[in-house]
C-alpha cells in the first residue's frame, strides 16, 4: 500500500531538469545533480577532495593527451532520469559542445569520496553499472585507497579491486596511463 510520502514524490527527467536550470530555478551556488529522477544536493568539496581531483585531472590530461577528453566536475547524461557530475571523467576524444557525454562516450568515471563514500559505493556505483559505464573508480581520501570497478552489468560490476598507496593503477582503455595510488594523496 502506498503511503502519503510515496504519492507526493515526483521524479524528473533529464530534459525537465535541464529546462529548470535554463529557467533559473537553481542558483549559481547550488551544487545539484539529478540521480534516478531525484534532484540531489552534492557533498561540499573539502581541501583533500579538491587536491585529489586536481592531481587526478593533471596526471590524466598529461598522460592521455589528445587520445581522450578529461572532464572534471561536469555532467554526464545517463538517459532518461540521471545527470550526475562525477569528479573526473575520461571520455572519447570528440567535442561535447552540443550535448553532455552519455555512457557510450565514457571510458572511466571517478568519484573522490571525502564525505560521500557510502553514497558513491551504493547509489552511484549501481547507477553507473546499470548505465554500462565501463570503468568506475572511487578514490577514498580517508583510507587513501582506490576502489576499481570493471565489467558492468545490471546487478553491479563483475570485477572489483581495492588498490592501496603502493599499488599502481591504469584505466582499462589506456593501460599505458599508470598512476601510483599514493601520488594522489601527496
Protein backbone atom coordinates (compact mmCIF):
# COMPACT_ATOMS: atom_id res chain seq x y z
CA UNK A 1 0.00 0.00 0.00
CA UNK A 2 1.37 3.43 -0.94
CA UNK A 3 1.95 5.96 1.79
CA UNK A 4 1.30 9.69 1.59
CA UNK A 5 5.00 10.29 1.12
CA UNK A 6 5.17 7.83 -1.78
CA UNK A 7 2.30 9.56 -3.55
CA UNK A 8 3.81 13.02 -3.03
CA UNK A 9 7.01 12.08 -4.83
CA UNK A 10 7.69 13.20 -8.38
CA UNK A 11 10.66 12.08 -10.44
CA UNK A 12 12.19 14.30 -13.09
CA UNK A 13 13.65 13.50 -16.49
CA UNK A 14 16.97 14.87 -17.70
CA UNK A 15 15.09 17.18 -20.10
CA UNK A 16 12.94 18.60 -17.28
CA UNK A 17 15.99 19.07 -15.07
CA UNK A 18 17.83 20.88 -17.88
CA UNK A 19 14.83 23.14 -18.52
CA UNK A 20 14.70 24.04 -14.81
CA UNK A 21 18.36 25.02 -14.97
CA UNK A 22 17.84 27.20 -18.05
CA UNK A 23 14.79 28.83 -16.40
CA UNK A 24 16.90 29.84 -13.39
CA UNK A 25 15.23 27.55 -10.86
CA UNK A 26 18.67 26.72 -9.47
CA UNK A 27 21.10 29.38 -8.31
CA UNK A 28 24.76 29.51 -9.37
CA UNK A 29 25.83 28.44 -5.87
CA UNK A 30 23.60 25.33 -5.92
CA UNK A 31 25.60 22.09 -6.19
CA UNK A 32 22.99 19.70 -7.53
CA UNK A 33 22.75 16.62 -9.68
CA UNK A 34 19.88 14.50 -10.97
CA UNK A 35 20.10 10.91 -9.72
CA UNK A 36 17.40 8.38 -10.60
CA UNK A 37 14.92 11.20 -11.18
CA UNK A 38 15.61 12.98 -7.88
CA UNK A 39 17.39 16.31 -7.55
CA UNK A 40 20.15 15.67 -5.03
CA UNK A 41 22.41 18.14 -3.25
CA UNK A 42 26.05 17.22 -3.72
CA UNK A 43 28.52 16.97 -0.85
CA UNK A 44 30.68 20.03 -0.20
CA UNK A 45 34.19 20.00 -1.63
CA UNK A 46 36.81 19.92 1.11
CA UNK A 47 40.52 20.65 0.63
CA UNK A 48 41.61 16.98 0.39
CA UNK A 49 38.86 16.32 -2.14
CA UNK A 50 39.82 19.36 -4.24
CA UNK A 51 43.53 18.50 -4.15
CA UNK A 52 42.85 14.91 -5.20
CA UNK A 53 40.62 15.99 -8.10
CA UNK A 54 43.32 18.44 -9.21
CA UNK A 55 46.01 15.71 -9.05
CA UNK A 56 43.89 13.23 -11.00
CA UNK A 57 42.95 15.79 -13.62
CA UNK A 58 46.54 16.92 -14.11
CA UNK A 59 48.03 13.44 -14.46
CA UNK A 60 45.25 12.22 -16.76
CA UNK A 61 45.43 15.28 -19.04
CA UNK A 62 49.21 14.91 -19.37
CA UNK A 63 49.25 11.14 -19.91
CA UNK A 64 46.15 10.76 -22.10
CA UNK A 65 46.79 13.82 -24.22
CA UNK A 66 44.76 14.01 -27.42
CA UNK A 67 43.53 10.41 -27.15
CA UNK A 68 40.65 11.40 -24.87
CA UNK A 69 38.93 14.25 -23.06
CA UNK A 70 39.41 14.67 -19.31
CA UNK A 71 36.15 16.13 -17.99
CA UNK A 72 36.40 17.46 -14.43
CA UNK A 73 33.30 18.06 -12.29
CA UNK A 74 30.97 18.35 -15.27
CA UNK A 75 27.73 16.49 -16.02
CA UNK A 76 27.33 13.18 -17.79
CA UNK A 77 23.85 12.33 -19.06
CA UNK A 78 22.53 8.90 -18.13
CA UNK A 79 19.25 8.74 -20.02
CA UNK A 80 16.47 9.18 -19.01
CA UNK A 81 16.50 10.17 -15.32
CA UNK A 82 20.08 10.91 -14.25
CA UNK A 83 22.66 13.60 -14.80
CA UNK A 84 25.45 13.02 -12.28
CA UNK A 85 28.52 15.22 -12.01
CA UNK A 86 31.42 12.84 -11.38
CA UNK A 87 34.61 14.39 -10.11
CA UNK A 88 36.57 13.25 -13.16
CA UNK A 89 35.56 11.50 -16.37
CA UNK A 90 37.74 10.24 -19.18
CA UNK A 91 35.81 10.46 -22.44
CA UNK A 92 36.14 9.67 -26.12
CA UNK A 93 38.05 12.36 -27.99
CA UNK A 94 35.33 14.48 -29.56
CA UNK A 95 33.56 17.79 -28.94
CA UNK A 96 30.85 17.93 -26.28
CA UNK A 97 29.75 21.44 -27.17
CA UNK A 98 26.32 20.34 -28.40
CA UNK A 99 25.50 17.90 -25.63
CA UNK A 100 26.87 16.37 -22.48
CA UNK A 101 28.56 12.99 -22.78
CA UNK A 102 26.49 9.83 -22.42
CA UNK A 103 27.56 6.36 -21.23
CA UNK A 104 28.90 5.29 -24.66
CA UNK A 105 31.30 8.25 -24.55
CA UNK A 106 32.77 7.29 -21.17
CA UNK A 107 35.97 5.27 -20.70
CA UNK A 108 36.23 5.95 -16.96
CA UNK A 109 34.28 7.80 -14.25
CA UNK A 110 35.94 8.76 -10.96
CA UNK A 111 34.30 9.88 -7.73
CA UNK A 112 36.52 11.27 -4.97
CA UNK A 113 34.96 10.40 -1.63
CA UNK A 114 35.77 12.58 1.35
CA UNK A 115 32.28 12.53 2.90
CA UNK A 116 30.31 10.57 0.28
CA UNK A 117 31.83 7.07 0.39
CA UNK A 118 28.64 5.13 1.20
CA UNK A 119 26.68 7.03 -1.48
CA UNK A 120 29.42 6.51 -4.08
CA UNK A 121 29.65 2.77 -3.24
CA UNK A 122 25.88 2.33 -3.33
CA UNK A 123 23.71 4.67 -5.38
CA UNK A 124 26.42 5.93 -7.76
CA UNK A 125 28.03 2.52 -8.35
CA UNK A 126 24.65 0.94 -9.11
CA UNK A 127 23.68 3.81 -11.43
CA UNK A 128 26.95 3.62 -13.35
CA UNK A 129 26.81 -0.19 -13.65
CA UNK A 130 23.21 -0.13 -14.94
CA UNK A 131 24.20 2.57 -17.46
CA UNK A 132 27.04 0.39 -18.75
CA UNK A 133 29.88 2.69 -17.65
CA UNK A 134 32.90 0.52 -18.50
CA UNK A 135 35.03 1.50 -15.53
CA UNK A 136 34.40 3.34 -12.27
CA UNK A 137 36.88 4.34 -9.58
CA UNK A 138 36.16 5.55 -6.06
CA UNK A 139 39.07 7.43 -4.53
CA UNK A 140 38.73 7.22 -0.74
CA UNK A 141 40.60 10.18 0.77
CA UNK A 142 40.36 8.81 4.33
CA UNK A 143 41.71 5.31 3.65
CA UNK A 144 43.95 6.59 0.81
CA UNK A 145 42.78 3.80 -1.47
CA UNK A 146 41.15 3.48 -4.88
CA UNK A 147 38.32 1.02 -5.46
CA UNK A 148 38.25 -0.10 -9.10
CA UNK A 149 35.04 -1.43 -10.67
CA UNK A 150 35.03 -3.01 -14.15
CA UNK A 151 32.75 -5.18 -16.30
CA UNK A 152 29.38 -3.52 -15.69
CA UNK A 153 26.13 -5.46 -15.57
CA UNK A 154 22.59 -4.73 -14.43
CA UNK A 155 23.35 -6.10 -10.96
CA UNK A 156 26.64 -4.26 -10.42
CA UNK A 157 30.22 -4.68 -11.57
CA UNK A 158 31.72 -8.09 -12.28
CA UNK A 159 35.24 -7.09 -11.25
CA UNK A 160 36.09 -5.17 -8.08
CA UNK A 161 39.55 -4.41 -6.71
CA UNK A 162 40.84 -2.26 -3.87
CA UNK A 163 44.19 -0.60 -4.54
CA UNK A 164 46.39 0.78 -1.75
CA UNK A 165 49.05 3.51 -1.64
CA UNK A 166 51.86 1.35 -3.07
CA UNK A 167 49.78 -0.05 -5.93
CA UNK A 168 49.78 1.27 -9.48
CA UNK A 169 46.53 1.60 -11.41
CA UNK A 170 45.70 2.29 -15.05
CA UNK A 171 42.40 2.79 -16.86
CA UNK A 172 41.48 -0.26 -18.97
CA UNK A 173 41.12 1.93 -22.06
CA UNK A 174 44.61 3.39 -21.54
CA UNK A 175 46.82 0.69 -19.97
CA UNK A 176 49.92 2.84 -20.54
CA UNK A 177 48.49 5.58 -18.26
CA UNK A 178 49.82 4.32 -14.95
CA UNK A 179 49.23 6.15 -11.69
CA UNK A 180 50.73 5.28 -8.31
CA UNK A 181 47.83 5.44 -5.85
CA UNK A 182 49.93 7.15 -3.16
CA UNK A 183 50.69 10.04 -5.54
CA UNK A 184 47.01 11.00 -5.48
CA UNK A 185 47.30 11.86 -1.79
CA UNK A 186 50.67 13.66 -1.80
